[in-house]
Every structure is written in C-alpha cells, then in structure tokens.
C-alpha cells in the first residue's frame, strides 16, 4: 500500500469560492478524491476522516458509518464517506439555525 497522503476535497460550483460554503463543499456537497479505492478499510477511512482508529470502529459498530462485513474484514465505500460528510454538514447548518436533531 502506498504511503501517499490522499485528500478529501469539497466540491463547488465555482472553484474560486471562499467562506464557509466553500469549506464544506457548498451546495454540491463533499467529494472524496477519485484516487482513493472504491472501498476502504476502517483504518483508511479513519485517516480520510481524520479521526482515530477506535473512533472509526465505534462509529461502524454504532451504525454511524455504514460498512460491509465479509467474514472478519470490514470495508467502507468511498460513497459512504461522502454521505457521512454531507449529513454532518446538514446537521451543522441545522444546529446553527437552532434546530435540534431528534
């Protein structure tokens, strides 16, 4: 496995956008680099999300991160990470408006 760092890149309708909308991908949502494989291990997903290994496994166990289990291996799709990031952005925007998740 390559040790090249890979980046999560927000998408935007205008590449020169600045401000909070650009930071979270604007209206287009998050797009994870096509350089990543279609499926990742939990450790790889943790690195992409910049969270700890244990936190990633806990999120998989809680169902926050949907995964595929094949025998003893767990894989997470690149699309699932994009979905997770998009839902987190929506949740943050709702929180800023004073809307509670329920």
N, C-alpha and C. Protein backbone atom coordinates (compact mmCIF):
# COMPACT_ATOMS: atom_id res chain seq x y z
N UNK A 1 0.84 -1.18 0.00
CA UNK A 1 0.00 0.00 0.00
C UNK A 1 0.88 1.23 0.00
N UNK A 2 0.52 2.17 -0.77
CA UNK A 2 1.26 3.42 -0.91
C UNK A 2 1.10 4.28 0.34
N UNK A 3 2.13 5.02 0.67
CA UNK A 3 2.04 5.92 1.82
C UNK A 3 1.72 7.34 1.40
N UNK A 4 1.30 7.52 0.15
CA UNK A 4 0.95 8.84 -0.35
C UNK A 4 -0.29 9.34 0.38
N UNK A 5 -0.23 10.59 0.85
CA UNK A 5 -1.39 11.16 1.52
C UNK A 5 -2.46 11.50 0.50
N UNK A 6 -3.69 11.20 0.85
CA UNK A 6 -4.79 11.49 -0.03
C UNK A 6 -5.69 12.50 0.65
N UNK A 7 -6.36 13.31 -0.15
CA UNK A 7 -7.12 14.41 0.43
C UNK A 7 -8.60 14.27 0.17
N UNK A 8 -9.38 14.73 1.12
CA UNK A 8 -10.82 14.88 0.93
C UNK A 8 -11.00 16.27 0.37
N UNK A 9 -11.67 16.36 -0.76
CA UNK A 9 -11.80 17.65 -1.41
C UNK A 9 -13.27 18.03 -1.54
N UNK A 10 -13.66 19.19 -0.99
CA UNK A 10 -15.03 19.62 -1.19
C UNK A 10 -15.24 20.04 -2.63
N UNK A 11 -16.44 19.77 -3.14
CA UNK A 11 -16.75 20.21 -4.49
C UNK A 11 -17.44 21.55 -4.41
N UNK A 12 -17.41 22.26 -5.48
CA UNK A 12 -18.06 23.55 -5.51
C UNK A 12 -18.43 23.87 -6.94
N UNK A 13 -19.49 24.63 -7.12
CA UNK A 13 -19.86 25.02 -8.47
C UNK A 13 -18.86 26.02 -9.03
N UNK A 14 -18.21 26.77 -8.14
CA UNK A 14 -17.19 27.73 -8.56
C UNK A 14 -15.91 27.41 -7.80
N UNK A 15 -14.86 27.03 -8.50
CA UNK A 15 -13.64 26.64 -7.80
C UNK A 15 -13.00 27.77 -7.00
N UNK A 16 -13.36 29.02 -7.24
CA UNK A 16 -12.73 30.12 -6.53
C UNK A 16 -13.56 30.55 -5.32
N UNK A 17 -14.60 29.80 -4.94
CA UNK A 17 -15.42 30.16 -3.79
C UNK A 17 -14.56 30.26 -2.53
N UNK A 18 -14.94 31.18 -1.66
CA UNK A 18 -14.31 31.28 -0.35
C UNK A 18 -15.40 31.39 0.69
N UNK A 19 -15.04 31.22 1.94
CA UNK A 19 -16.02 31.33 3.01
C UNK A 19 -16.55 29.97 3.44
N UNK A 20 -17.49 29.97 4.40
CA UNK A 20 -17.98 28.71 4.97
C UNK A 20 -18.59 27.78 3.95
N UNK A 21 -19.28 28.31 2.94
CA UNK A 21 -19.89 27.44 1.95
C UNK A 21 -18.83 26.66 1.19
N UNK A 22 -17.72 27.31 0.88
CA UNK A 22 -16.65 26.64 0.14
C UNK A 22 -15.97 25.60 1.02
N UNK A 23 -15.86 25.88 2.32
CA UNK A 23 -15.18 24.95 3.20
C UNK A 23 -15.90 23.61 3.29
N UNK A 24 -17.22 23.62 3.25
CA UNK A 24 -17.95 22.36 3.37
C UNK A 24 -18.47 21.86 2.04
N UNK A 25 -17.98 22.43 0.94
CA UNK A 25 -18.35 21.93 -0.36
C UNK A 25 -19.48 22.67 -1.01
N UNK A 26 -19.96 23.73 -0.40
CA UNK A 26 -21.06 24.49 -0.99
C UNK A 26 -22.29 23.63 -1.13
N UNK A 27 -23.13 23.97 -2.08
CA UNK A 27 -24.37 23.23 -2.28
C UNK A 27 -24.11 21.84 -2.85
N UNK A 28 -22.95 21.64 -3.48
CA UNK A 28 -22.66 20.37 -4.13
C UNK A 28 -22.32 19.25 -3.18
N UNK A 29 -21.94 19.54 -1.96
CA UNK A 29 -21.58 18.51 -1.00
C UNK A 29 -20.12 18.09 -1.13
N UNK A 30 -19.76 17.09 -0.37
CA UNK A 30 -18.38 16.62 -0.35
C UNK A 30 -18.14 15.62 -1.46
N UNK A 31 -16.92 15.66 -1.98
CA UNK A 31 -16.49 14.68 -2.97
C UNK A 31 -15.11 14.23 -2.56
N UNK A 32 -14.97 12.94 -2.38
CA UNK A 32 -13.69 12.39 -1.97
C UNK A 32 -12.89 12.03 -3.21
N UNK A 33 -11.62 12.30 -3.16
CA UNK A 33 -10.72 12.12 -4.30
C UNK A 33 -10.92 10.77 -4.98
N UNK A 34 -10.95 10.79 -6.30
CA UNK A 34 -11.06 9.56 -7.08
C UNK A 34 -9.80 8.72 -6.99
N UNK A 35 -8.75 9.26 -6.40
CA UNK A 35 -7.53 8.49 -6.22
C UNK A 35 -7.71 7.39 -5.18
N UNK A 36 -8.67 7.56 -4.30
CA UNK A 36 -8.93 6.53 -3.29
C UNK A 36 -9.61 5.33 -3.93
N UNK A 37 -9.39 4.14 -3.38
CA UNK A 37 -10.10 2.97 -3.90
C UNK A 37 -11.60 3.09 -3.62
N UNK A 38 -12.40 2.30 -4.33
CA UNK A 38 -13.85 2.34 -4.15
C UNK A 38 -14.26 1.90 -2.75
N UNK A 39 -13.49 1.00 -2.15
CA UNK A 39 -13.75 0.58 -0.77
C UNK A 39 -12.48 0.73 0.04
N UNK A 40 -12.66 1.07 1.31
CA UNK A 40 -11.52 1.30 2.20
C UNK A 40 -11.65 0.45 3.45
N UNK A 41 -10.53 0.20 4.09
CA UNK A 41 -10.55 -0.43 5.40
C UNK A 41 -11.00 0.61 6.43
N UNK A 42 -11.31 0.18 7.62
CA UNK A 42 -11.71 1.12 8.67
C UNK A 42 -10.55 2.07 8.98
N UNK A 43 -9.34 1.56 9.01
CA UNK A 43 -8.18 2.40 9.28
C UNK A 43 -7.99 3.46 8.20
N UNK A 44 -8.17 3.07 6.94
CA UNK A 44 -8.04 4.04 5.84
C UNK A 44 -9.14 5.10 5.92
N UNK A 45 -10.36 4.66 6.22
CA UNK A 45 -11.47 5.61 6.35
C UNK A 45 -11.21 6.57 7.51
N UNK A 46 -10.64 6.07 8.60
CA UNK A 46 -10.32 6.92 9.75
C UNK A 46 -9.32 8.00 9.34
N UNK A 47 -8.32 7.63 8.55
CA UNK A 47 -7.33 8.62 8.09
C UNK A 47 -7.99 9.67 7.20
N UNK A 48 -8.88 9.24 6.31
CA UNK A 48 -9.57 10.19 5.43
C UNK A 48 -10.40 11.16 6.25
N UNK A 49 -11.10 10.63 7.27
CA UNK A 49 -11.96 11.46 8.12
C UNK A 49 -11.18 12.22 9.19
N UNK A 50 -9.91 11.87 9.33
CA UNK A 50 -9.04 12.47 10.36
C UNK A 50 -9.59 12.24 11.76
N UNK A 51 -9.97 10.99 11.99
CA UNK A 51 -10.40 10.56 13.32
C UNK A 51 -9.54 9.38 13.71
N UNK A 52 -9.58 9.02 14.96
CA UNK A 52 -8.80 7.89 15.44
C UNK A 52 -9.38 6.56 15.00
N UNK A 53 -8.52 5.56 15.03
CA UNK A 53 -8.93 4.20 14.65
C UNK A 53 -10.07 3.70 15.52
N UNK A 54 -9.95 3.88 16.82
CA UNK A 54 -11.00 3.41 17.74
C UNK A 54 -12.32 4.14 17.51
N UNK A 55 -12.24 5.44 17.23
CA UNK A 55 -13.46 6.21 16.96
C UNK A 55 -14.12 5.70 15.68
N UNK A 56 -13.32 5.33 14.68
CA UNK A 56 -13.87 4.81 13.43
C UNK A 56 -14.56 3.47 13.67
N UNK A 57 -13.91 2.58 14.42
CA UNK A 57 -14.54 1.29 14.71
C UNK A 57 -15.81 1.48 15.54
N UNK A 58 -15.81 2.43 16.47
CA UNK A 58 -17.02 2.70 17.27
C UNK A 58 -18.14 3.23 16.39
N UNK A 59 -17.82 4.09 15.42
CA UNK A 59 -18.84 4.62 14.50
C UNK A 59 -19.41 3.52 13.62
N UNK A 60 -18.57 2.56 13.21
CA UNK A 60 -19.05 1.42 12.44
C UNK A 60 -19.98 0.57 13.30
N UNK A 61 -19.57 0.30 14.55
CA UNK A 61 -20.38 -0.52 15.45
C UNK A 61 -21.72 0.14 15.76
N UNK A 62 -21.73 1.47 15.86
CA UNK A 62 -22.96 2.20 16.17
C UNK A 62 -23.84 2.40 14.94
N UNK A 63 -23.29 2.13 13.75
CA UNK A 63 -24.05 2.31 12.52
C UNK A 63 -23.96 3.71 11.95
N UNK A 64 -23.17 4.57 12.56
CA UNK A 64 -22.97 5.92 12.04
C UNK A 64 -22.26 5.87 10.69
N UNK A 65 -21.31 4.97 10.58
CA UNK A 65 -20.63 4.71 9.31
C UNK A 65 -21.11 3.34 8.85
N UNK A 66 -21.83 3.31 7.73
CA UNK A 66 -22.32 2.04 7.20
C UNK A 66 -21.17 1.31 6.55
N UNK A 67 -21.12 0.01 6.78
CA UNK A 67 -19.99 -0.78 6.29
C UNK A 67 -20.47 -2.10 5.72
N UNK A 68 -19.54 -2.77 5.07
CA UNK A 68 -19.76 -4.11 4.53
C UNK A 68 -18.84 -5.04 5.29
N UNK A 69 -19.38 -6.10 5.81
CA UNK A 69 -18.57 -7.08 6.54
C UNK A 69 -18.50 -8.35 5.70
N UNK A 70 -17.27 -8.79 5.44
CA UNK A 70 -17.04 -10.04 4.73
C UNK A 70 -16.14 -10.90 5.61
N UNK A 71 -16.76 -11.84 6.28
CA UNK A 71 -16.00 -12.64 7.24
C UNK A 71 -15.54 -11.75 8.38
N UNK A 72 -14.25 -11.66 8.56
CA UNK A 72 -13.70 -10.82 9.63
C UNK A 72 -13.25 -9.45 9.15
N UNK A 73 -13.40 -9.18 7.86
CA UNK A 73 -12.97 -7.90 7.33
C UNK A 73 -14.14 -6.93 7.21
N UNK A 74 -13.86 -5.66 7.43
CA UNK A 74 -14.86 -4.60 7.31
C UNK A 74 -14.37 -3.64 6.25
N UNK A 75 -15.26 -3.29 5.33
CA UNK A 75 -14.94 -2.33 4.30
C UNK A 75 -15.98 -1.22 4.29
N UNK A 76 -15.53 -0.02 3.93
CA UNK A 76 -16.40 1.16 3.87
C UNK A 76 -16.25 1.76 2.48
N UNK A 77 -17.37 2.04 1.83
CA UNK A 77 -17.29 2.59 0.47
C UNK A 77 -16.95 4.07 0.51
N UNK A 78 -16.30 4.50 -0.55
CA UNK A 78 -15.98 5.92 -0.71
C UNK A 78 -17.26 6.75 -0.71
N UNK A 79 -18.33 6.24 -1.34
CA UNK A 79 -19.61 6.95 -1.36
C UNK A 79 -20.20 7.10 0.04
N UNK A 80 -19.98 6.10 0.90
CA UNK A 80 -20.48 6.18 2.27
C UNK A 80 -19.79 7.32 3.02
N UNK A 81 -18.51 7.50 2.79
CA UNK A 81 -17.81 8.61 3.45
C UNK A 81 -18.35 9.95 2.96
N UNK A 82 -18.63 10.05 1.66
CA UNK A 82 -19.22 11.28 1.14
C UNK A 82 -20.59 11.53 1.76
N UNK A 83 -21.40 10.47 1.89
CA UNK A 83 -22.73 10.59 2.51
C UNK A 83 -22.60 11.05 3.96
N UNK A 84 -21.65 10.47 4.66
CA UNK A 84 -21.44 10.83 6.06
C UNK A 84 -21.06 12.30 6.19
N UNK A 85 -20.15 12.77 5.35
CA UNK A 85 -19.74 14.16 5.41
C UNK A 85 -20.88 15.10 5.02
N UNK A 86 -21.66 14.73 4.01
CA UNK A 86 -22.80 15.55 3.61
C UNK A 86 -23.82 15.66 4.74
N UNK A 87 -24.09 14.55 5.42
CA UNK A 87 -25.07 14.58 6.51
C UNK A 87 -24.55 15.39 7.70
N UNK A 88 -23.24 15.37 7.92
CA UNK A 88 -22.67 16.15 9.01
C UNK A 88 -22.77 17.64 8.71
N UNK A 89 -22.61 18.02 7.47
CA UNK A 89 -22.71 19.42 7.07
C UNK A 89 -24.14 19.90 7.27
N UNK A 90 -25.12 19.10 6.86
CA UNK A 90 -26.53 19.46 7.05
C UNK A 90 -26.83 19.59 8.53
N UNK A 91 -26.34 18.66 9.33
CA UNK A 91 -26.57 18.71 10.77
C UNK A 91 -26.00 19.96 11.39
N UNK A 92 -24.82 20.38 10.95
CA UNK A 92 -24.20 21.59 11.49
C UNK A 92 -25.00 22.82 11.11
N UNK A 93 -25.47 22.88 9.86
CA UNK A 93 -26.27 24.03 9.43
C UNK A 93 -27.56 24.12 10.24
N UNK A 94 -28.20 22.97 10.49
CA UNK A 94 -29.42 22.96 11.30
C UNK A 94 -29.11 23.43 12.71
N UNK A 95 -27.98 23.02 13.25
CA UNK A 95 -27.60 23.41 14.60
C UNK A 95 -27.39 24.92 14.69
N UNK A 96 -26.80 25.50 13.64
CA UNK A 96 -26.57 26.95 13.64
C UNK A 96 -27.88 27.71 13.61
N UNK A 97 -28.93 27.10 13.04
CA UNK A 97 -30.25 27.73 12.99
C UNK A 97 -31.06 27.43 14.26
N UNK A 98 -30.50 26.65 15.16
CA UNK A 98 -31.19 26.32 16.40
C UNK A 98 -32.14 25.15 16.28
N UNK A 99 -32.00 24.35 15.22
CA UNK A 99 -32.83 23.18 15.04
C UNK A 99 -32.15 22.01 15.71
N UNK A 100 -32.88 21.28 16.52
CA UNK A 100 -32.32 20.14 17.24
C UNK A 100 -32.56 18.86 16.47
N UNK A 101 -31.56 18.01 16.45
CA UNK A 101 -31.72 16.70 15.82
C UNK A 101 -32.58 15.85 16.75
N UNK A 102 -33.44 15.05 16.18
CA UNK A 102 -34.28 14.25 17.05
C UNK A 102 -34.62 12.99 16.52
